Amino acid sequence: MTTQQSTSNELKNCIDACLHCYQVCTQMFMGHCLESGGRHVEPEHARLMTTCAEICRTAAHAMLSQATVHTAICGACAQVCEQCAASCQAIGDMDECVRACRTCAESCRTMASGGGQQQSTRTTGSGARASH
């Protein structure tokens, strides 16, 4: 496997992880948390879950659109996902959300450290990088 193929797979995996986490956090909060009440709907937890869902969606969008700023967004996404996973784990009965957030955080940390970088820059026919 070439470096570019490996990078492409890392990027695709991160997009998939972000979209899955967005889906799980949104569904878990709108269904399980709202129906369970109590600690599941405390303001800090509610804010964290909705923020997590939105930053995951934003990170996926940045990677799909090949925005050069995707590494910074992925770094923030990893932080929020870790916080959300910890909150969900502390409340309990939210294992699916904990797993989705941790998987997304791990993948986003890879992107934030430069993984997928080649996907956000284009090369010209001579091999030089074109500016955006």
N, C-alpha and C. Protein backbone atom coordinates (compact mmCIF):
# COMPACT_ATOMS: atom_id res chain seq x y z
N MET A 1 0.85 -1.18 0.00
CA MET A 1 0.00 0.00 0.00
C MET A 1 0.89 1.24 0.00
N THR A 2 0.61 2.19 -0.85
CA THR A 2 1.40 3.42 -0.92
C THR A 2 1.02 4.35 0.22
N THR A 3 1.86 5.34 0.48
CA THR A 3 1.58 6.31 1.53
C THR A 3 0.30 7.06 1.22
N GLN A 4 0.08 7.41 -0.05
CA GLN A 4 -1.14 8.14 -0.40
C GLN A 4 -2.38 7.28 -0.18
N GLN A 5 -2.31 5.97 -0.49
CA GLN A 5 -3.46 5.09 -0.25
C GLN A 5 -3.72 4.99 1.25
N SER A 6 -2.66 4.86 2.04
CA SER A 6 -2.80 4.77 3.48
C SER A 6 -3.44 6.05 4.03
N THR A 7 -2.98 7.20 3.55
CA THR A 7 -3.54 8.48 3.96
C THR A 7 -5.00 8.56 3.56
N SER A 8 -5.32 8.13 2.37
CA SER A 8 -6.69 8.16 1.91
C SER A 8 -7.58 7.28 2.79
N ASN A 9 -7.08 6.11 3.19
CA ASN A 9 -7.85 5.23 4.07
C ASN A 9 -8.04 5.87 5.44
N GLU A 10 -7.00 6.51 5.97
CA GLU A 10 -7.11 7.19 7.26
C GLU A 10 -8.16 8.30 7.19
N LEU A 11 -8.15 9.05 6.10
CA LEU A 11 -9.11 10.12 5.92
C LEU A 11 -10.53 9.56 5.84
N LYS A 12 -10.72 8.53 5.04
CA LYS A 12 -12.04 7.92 4.91
C LYS A 12 -12.52 7.37 6.25
N ASN A 13 -11.63 6.69 6.97
CA ASN A 13 -12.00 6.14 8.27
C ASN A 13 -12.38 7.24 9.26
N CYS A 14 -11.69 8.36 9.20
CA CYS A 14 -11.99 9.47 10.10
C CYS A 14 -13.34 10.09 9.75
N ILE A 15 -13.60 10.28 8.48
CA ILE A 15 -14.90 10.81 8.05
C ILE A 15 -16.01 9.89 8.53
N ASP A 16 -15.83 8.59 8.32
CA ASP A 16 -16.83 7.61 8.76
C ASP A 16 -17.03 7.65 10.27
N ALA A 17 -15.93 7.74 11.02
CA ALA A 17 -16.02 7.78 12.49
C ALA A 17 -16.74 9.05 12.95
N CYS A 18 -16.46 10.17 12.31
CA CYS A 18 -17.11 11.43 12.67
C CYS A 18 -18.61 11.38 12.38
N LEU A 19 -18.97 10.87 11.21
CA LEU A 19 -20.39 10.79 10.86
C LEU A 19 -21.13 9.81 11.76
N HIS A 20 -20.47 8.71 12.12
CA HIS A 20 -21.09 7.74 13.03
C HIS A 20 -21.29 8.37 14.41
N CYS A 21 -20.28 9.07 14.91
CA CYS A 21 -20.38 9.71 16.22
C CYS A 21 -21.47 10.78 16.21
N TYR A 22 -21.55 11.55 15.14
CA TYR A 22 -22.62 12.55 15.01
C TYR A 22 -23.99 11.88 15.11
N GLN A 23 -24.15 10.79 14.40
CA GLN A 23 -25.42 10.07 14.40
C GLN A 23 -25.74 9.50 15.80
N VAL A 24 -24.77 8.84 16.40
CA VAL A 24 -25.00 8.22 17.71
C VAL A 24 -25.30 9.27 18.78
N CYS A 25 -24.51 10.34 18.84
CA CYS A 25 -24.74 11.38 19.85
C CYS A 25 -26.10 12.04 19.67
N THR A 26 -26.45 12.33 18.45
CA THR A 26 -27.75 12.96 18.20
C THR A 26 -28.89 12.03 18.59
N GLN A 27 -28.84 10.80 18.12
CA GLN A 27 -29.91 9.84 18.43
C GLN A 27 -29.96 9.53 19.92
N MET A 28 -28.82 9.36 20.55
CA MET A 28 -28.78 9.02 21.97
C MET A 28 -29.34 10.16 22.81
N PHE A 29 -28.96 11.39 22.47
CA PHE A 29 -29.48 12.52 23.24
C PHE A 29 -30.98 12.71 23.00
N MET A 30 -31.38 12.73 21.76
CA MET A 30 -32.78 13.00 21.44
C MET A 30 -33.71 11.86 21.87
N GLY A 31 -33.20 10.66 21.93
CA GLY A 31 -34.01 9.53 22.34
C GLY A 31 -33.75 9.16 23.78
N HIS A 32 -32.68 8.47 24.02
CA HIS A 32 -32.37 7.92 25.34
C HIS A 32 -32.30 8.98 26.45
N CYS A 33 -31.53 10.03 26.24
CA CYS A 33 -31.33 11.02 27.31
C CYS A 33 -32.61 11.77 27.64
N LEU A 34 -33.29 12.27 26.63
CA LEU A 34 -34.52 13.02 26.88
C LEU A 34 -35.58 12.15 27.53
N GLU A 35 -35.64 10.89 27.14
CA GLU A 35 -36.62 9.98 27.73
C GLU A 35 -36.22 9.55 29.14
N SER A 36 -34.93 9.43 29.41
CA SER A 36 -34.46 8.99 30.73
C SER A 36 -34.54 10.09 31.77
N GLY A 37 -34.28 11.33 31.34
CA GLY A 37 -34.32 12.45 32.28
C GLY A 37 -33.18 12.40 33.28
N GLY A 38 -33.36 13.07 34.39
CA GLY A 38 -32.36 13.09 35.46
C GLY A 38 -31.01 13.59 34.98
N ARG A 39 -29.95 12.85 35.35
CA ARG A 39 -28.59 13.26 35.00
C ARG A 39 -28.38 13.32 33.49
N HIS A 40 -29.16 12.54 32.73
CA HIS A 40 -29.02 12.50 31.27
C HIS A 40 -29.35 13.84 30.61
N VAL A 41 -30.14 14.67 31.28
CA VAL A 41 -30.53 15.95 30.68
C VAL A 41 -30.02 17.16 31.46
N GLU A 42 -29.07 16.93 32.36
CA GLU A 42 -28.47 18.07 33.05
C GLU A 42 -27.81 18.97 32.01
N PRO A 43 -27.87 20.28 32.21
CA PRO A 43 -27.39 21.22 31.20
C PRO A 43 -25.98 20.95 30.67
N GLU A 44 -25.02 20.68 31.56
CA GLU A 44 -23.64 20.48 31.09
C GLU A 44 -23.54 19.26 30.18
N HIS A 45 -24.20 18.18 30.55
CA HIS A 45 -24.17 16.96 29.72
C HIS A 45 -24.88 17.21 28.39
N ALA A 46 -26.03 17.87 28.44
CA ALA A 46 -26.78 18.17 27.21
C ALA A 46 -25.95 19.04 26.26
N ARG A 47 -25.31 20.05 26.80
CA ARG A 47 -24.46 20.92 25.97
C ARG A 47 -23.31 20.14 25.34
N LEU A 48 -22.71 19.27 26.14
CA LEU A 48 -21.58 18.49 25.66
C LEU A 48 -22.00 17.54 24.55
N MET A 49 -23.12 16.86 24.73
CA MET A 49 -23.57 15.92 23.69
C MET A 49 -23.92 16.63 22.39
N THR A 50 -24.62 17.76 22.48
CA THR A 50 -24.98 18.46 21.25
C THR A 50 -23.77 19.11 20.60
N THR A 51 -22.83 19.59 21.41
CA THR A 51 -21.59 20.15 20.86
C THR A 51 -20.78 19.06 20.19
N CYS A 52 -20.72 17.89 20.80
CA CYS A 52 -19.98 16.77 20.23
C CYS A 52 -20.56 16.39 18.86
N ALA A 53 -21.88 16.27 18.81
CA ALA A 53 -22.52 15.92 17.55
C ALA A 53 -22.18 16.95 16.46
N GLU A 54 -22.27 18.21 16.80
CA GLU A 54 -22.03 19.26 15.81
C GLU A 54 -20.57 19.34 15.37
N ILE A 55 -19.64 19.19 16.29
CA ILE A 55 -18.23 19.27 15.87
C ILE A 55 -17.85 18.05 15.04
N CYS A 56 -18.46 16.91 15.32
CA CYS A 56 -18.21 15.73 14.49
C CYS A 56 -18.71 15.97 13.07
N ARG A 57 -19.90 16.55 12.95
CA ARG A 57 -20.44 16.85 11.63
C ARG A 57 -19.57 17.87 10.91
N THR A 58 -19.10 18.87 11.64
CA THR A 58 -18.24 19.90 11.05
C THR A 58 -16.90 19.32 10.61
N ALA A 59 -16.33 18.44 11.42
CA ALA A 59 -15.05 17.82 11.05
C ALA A 59 -15.20 16.97 9.79
N ALA A 60 -16.28 16.20 9.72
CA ALA A 60 -16.52 15.39 8.51
C ALA A 60 -16.67 16.29 7.30
N HIS A 61 -17.39 17.38 7.44
CA HIS A 61 -17.58 18.32 6.33
C HIS A 61 -16.24 18.91 5.88
N ALA A 62 -15.41 19.30 6.84
CA ALA A 62 -14.10 19.89 6.50
C ALA A 62 -13.24 18.90 5.73
N MET A 63 -13.27 17.64 6.16
CA MET A 63 -12.46 16.64 5.46
C MET A 63 -13.04 16.33 4.08
N LEU A 64 -14.36 16.22 3.99
CA LEU A 64 -14.99 15.93 2.70
C LEU A 64 -14.76 17.05 1.69
N SER A 65 -14.73 18.29 2.17
CA SER A 65 -14.53 19.43 1.27
C SER A 65 -13.06 19.75 1.06
N GLN A 66 -12.17 18.96 1.64
CA GLN A 66 -10.73 19.11 1.51
C GLN A 66 -10.24 20.47 2.02
N ALA A 67 -10.89 20.98 3.06
CA ALA A 67 -10.46 22.24 3.66
C ALA A 67 -9.12 22.03 4.36
N THR A 68 -8.18 22.92 4.11
CA THR A 68 -6.86 22.77 4.72
C THR A 68 -6.91 22.91 6.23
N VAL A 69 -7.93 23.51 6.76
CA VAL A 69 -8.07 23.71 8.20
C VAL A 69 -8.61 22.45 8.91
N HIS A 70 -8.82 21.37 8.17
CA HIS A 70 -9.41 20.18 8.79
C HIS A 70 -8.58 19.63 9.94
N THR A 71 -7.26 19.82 9.92
CA THR A 71 -6.45 19.28 11.02
C THR A 71 -6.77 20.00 12.34
N ALA A 72 -6.98 21.30 12.29
CA ALA A 72 -7.33 22.06 13.50
C ALA A 72 -8.72 21.65 13.99
N ILE A 73 -9.65 21.50 13.07
CA ILE A 73 -11.01 21.10 13.45
C ILE A 73 -10.99 19.70 14.05
N CYS A 74 -10.22 18.80 13.46
CA CYS A 74 -10.13 17.44 13.99
C CYS A 74 -9.51 17.42 15.38
N GLY A 75 -8.55 18.30 15.63
CA GLY A 75 -7.96 18.40 16.96
C GLY A 75 -9.00 18.79 18.00
N ALA A 76 -9.81 19.79 17.66
CA ALA A 76 -10.89 20.21 18.56
C ALA A 76 -11.93 19.10 18.72
N CYS A 77 -12.24 18.43 17.64
CA CYS A 77 -13.20 17.33 17.67
C CYS A 77 -12.73 16.23 18.61
N ALA A 78 -11.46 15.88 18.56
CA ALA A 78 -10.93 14.84 19.44
C ALA A 78 -11.10 15.22 20.90
N GLN A 79 -10.85 16.48 21.23
CA GLN A 79 -10.99 16.95 22.61
C GLN A 79 -12.44 16.86 23.08
N VAL A 80 -13.36 17.33 22.26
CA VAL A 80 -14.77 17.32 22.62
C VAL A 80 -15.28 15.88 22.73
N CYS A 81 -14.87 15.02 21.82
CA CYS A 81 -15.30 13.62 21.87
C CYS A 81 -14.82 12.93 23.14
N GLU A 82 -13.59 13.21 23.57
CA GLU A 82 -13.08 12.63 24.82
C GLU A 82 -13.90 13.10 26.02
N GLN A 83 -14.22 14.38 26.04
CA GLN A 83 -15.03 14.92 27.13
C GLN A 83 -16.43 14.31 27.13
N CYS A 84 -17.00 14.16 25.95
CA CYS A 84 -18.34 13.59 25.83
C CYS A 84 -18.33 12.12 26.28
N ALA A 85 -17.32 11.38 25.87
CA ALA A 85 -17.20 9.97 26.27
C ALA A 85 -17.12 9.86 27.78
N ALA A 86 -16.33 10.71 28.42
CA ALA A 86 -16.18 10.68 29.87
C ALA A 86 -17.50 11.01 30.56
N SER A 87 -18.22 12.00 30.05
CA SER A 87 -19.50 12.37 30.63
C SER A 87 -20.52 11.25 30.49
N CYS A 88 -20.59 10.65 29.30
CA CYS A 88 -21.52 9.56 29.06
C CYS A 88 -21.19 8.34 29.93
N GLN A 89 -19.92 8.07 30.09
CA GLN A 89 -19.50 6.94 30.91
C GLN A 89 -19.86 7.19 32.38
N ALA A 90 -19.66 8.41 32.85
CA ALA A 90 -19.96 8.74 34.24
C ALA A 90 -21.46 8.62 34.53
N ILE A 91 -22.29 8.98 33.58
CA ILE A 91 -23.74 8.89 33.76
C ILE A 91 -24.19 7.44 33.71
N GLY A 92 -23.58 6.68 32.81
CA GLY A 92 -23.89 5.25 32.69
C GLY A 92 -25.00 4.98 31.69
N ASP A 93 -25.10 3.74 31.28
CA ASP A 93 -26.13 3.27 30.35
C ASP A 93 -26.05 3.97 28.99
N MET A 94 -24.81 4.34 28.60
CA MET A 94 -24.61 5.04 27.33
C MET A 94 -23.38 4.48 26.61
N ASP A 95 -23.21 3.16 26.69
CA ASP A 95 -22.01 2.52 26.15
C ASP A 95 -21.80 2.77 24.66
N GLU A 96 -22.86 2.79 23.87
CA GLU A 96 -22.73 3.02 22.43
C GLU A 96 -22.14 4.39 22.15
N CYS A 97 -22.59 5.37 22.91
CA CYS A 97 -22.08 6.74 22.74
C CYS A 97 -20.62 6.82 23.17
N VAL A 98 -20.28 6.17 24.28
CA VAL A 98 -18.89 6.16 24.76
C VAL A 98 -17.98 5.57 23.68
N ARG A 99 -18.37 4.44 23.11
CA ARG A 99 -17.54 3.80 22.07
C ARG A 99 -17.41 4.68 20.84
N ALA A 100 -18.52 5.25 20.37
CA ALA A 100 -18.47 6.10 19.17
C ALA A 100 -17.58 7.32 19.39
N CYS A 101 -17.70 7.93 20.55
CA CYS A 101 -16.89 9.12 20.85
C CYS A 101 -15.41 8.77 20.94
N ARG A 102 -15.08 7.67 21.57
CA ARG A 102 -13.67 7.30 21.71
C ARG A 102 -13.05 6.91 20.36
N THR A 103 -13.81 6.21 19.55
CA THR A 103 -13.33 5.85 18.21
C THR A 103 -13.08 7.11 17.39
N CYS A 104 -14.02 8.04 17.44
CA CYS A 104 -13.88 9.29 16.69
C CYS A 104 -12.70 10.10 17.21
N ALA A 105 -12.55 10.18 18.52
CA ALA A 105 -11.44 10.94 19.10
C ALA A 105 -10.10 10.39 18.63
N GLU A 106 -9.96 9.07 18.64
CA GLU A 106 -8.71 8.45 18.21
C GLU A 106 -8.42 8.76 16.75
N SER A 107 -9.43 8.63 15.90
CA SER A 107 -9.25 8.90 14.48
C SER A 107 -8.94 10.37 14.23
N CYS A 108 -9.63 11.25 14.94
CA CYS A 108 -9.39 12.68 14.76
C CYS A 108 -8.01 13.11 15.26
N ARG A 109 -7.52 12.45 16.30
CA ARG A 109 -6.15 12.75 16.75
C ARG A 109 -5.15 12.43 15.65
N THR A 110 -5.38 11.34 14.91
CA THR A 110 -4.51 10.99 13.79
C THR A 110 -4.55 12.09 12.73
N MET A 111 -5.73 12.56 12.41
CA MET A 111 -5.87 13.63 11.41
C MET A 111 -5.22 14.91 11.91
N ALA A 112 -5.40 15.23 13.18
CA ALA A 112 -4.85 16.47 13.74
C ALA A 112 -3.33 16.46 13.74
N SER A 113 -2.74 15.27 13.81
CA SER A 113 -1.28 15.17 13.81
C SER A 113 -0.71 15.13 12.40
N GLY A 114 -1.56 15.35 11.40
CA GLY A 114 -1.08 15.43 10.02
C GLY A 114 -1.54 14.30 9.14
N GLY A 115 -2.22 13.30 9.68
CA GLY A 115 -2.76 12.23 8.84
C GLY A 115 -3.79 12.81 7.89
N GLY A 116 -3.80 12.36 6.66
CA GLY A 116 -4.75 12.89 5.67
C GLY A 116 -4.30 14.19 5.05
N GLN A 117 -3.14 14.69 5.46
CA GLN A 117 -2.64 15.97 4.97
C GLN A 117 -2.57 16.02 3.45
N GLN A 118 -2.14 14.93 2.81
CA GLN A 118 -1.98 14.93 1.36
C GLN A 118 -3.32 15.11 0.64
N GLN A 119 -4.41 14.73 1.30
CA GLN A 119 -5.71 14.87 0.67
C GLN A 119 -6.16 16.32 0.59
N SER A 120 -5.60 17.19 1.45
CA SER A 120 -6.05 18.57 1.46
C SER A 120 -5.19 19.49 0.61
N THR A 121 -4.16 18.94 -0.03
CA THR A 121 -3.35 19.73 -0.95
C THR A 121 -3.33 19.01 -2.29
N ARG A 122 -3.24 19.75 -3.33
CA ARG A 122 -3.22 19.17 -4.67
C ARG A 122 -1.84 19.38 -5.27
N THR A 123 -1.46 18.50 -6.17
CA THR A 123 -0.17 18.67 -6.84
C THR A 123 -0.40 18.96 -8.30
N THR A 124 0.52 19.71 -8.85
CA THR A 124 0.43 20.01 -10.28
C THR A 124 1.13 18.90 -11.03
N GLY A 125 1.08 18.92 -12.34
CA GLY A 125 1.69 17.90 -13.17
C GLY A 125 3.19 17.78 -12.95
N SER A 126 3.86 18.84 -12.52
CA SER A 126 5.30 18.78 -12.31
C SER A 126 5.65 18.28 -10.92
N GLY A 127 4.63 17.99 -10.09
CA GLY A 127 4.90 17.49 -8.76
C GLY A 127 4.96 18.56 -7.70
N ALA A 128 4.93 19.84 -8.10
CA ALA A 128 4.94 20.92 -7.13
C ALA A 128 3.54 21.09 -6.58
N ARG A 129 3.45 21.52 -5.35
CA ARG A 129 2.13 21.73 -4.75
C ARG A 129 1.54 23.02 -5.25
N ALA A 130 0.28 22.94 -5.61
CA ALA A 130 -0.43 24.13 -6.05
C ALA A 130 -0.95 24.87 -4.82
N SER A 131 -0.98 26.17 -4.87
CA SER A 131 -1.50 26.94 -3.73
C SER A 131 -3.01 27.08 -3.86
N HIS A 132 -3.65 27.24 -2.72
CA HIS A 132 -5.11 27.42 -2.68
C HIS A 132 -5.45 28.81 -2.22
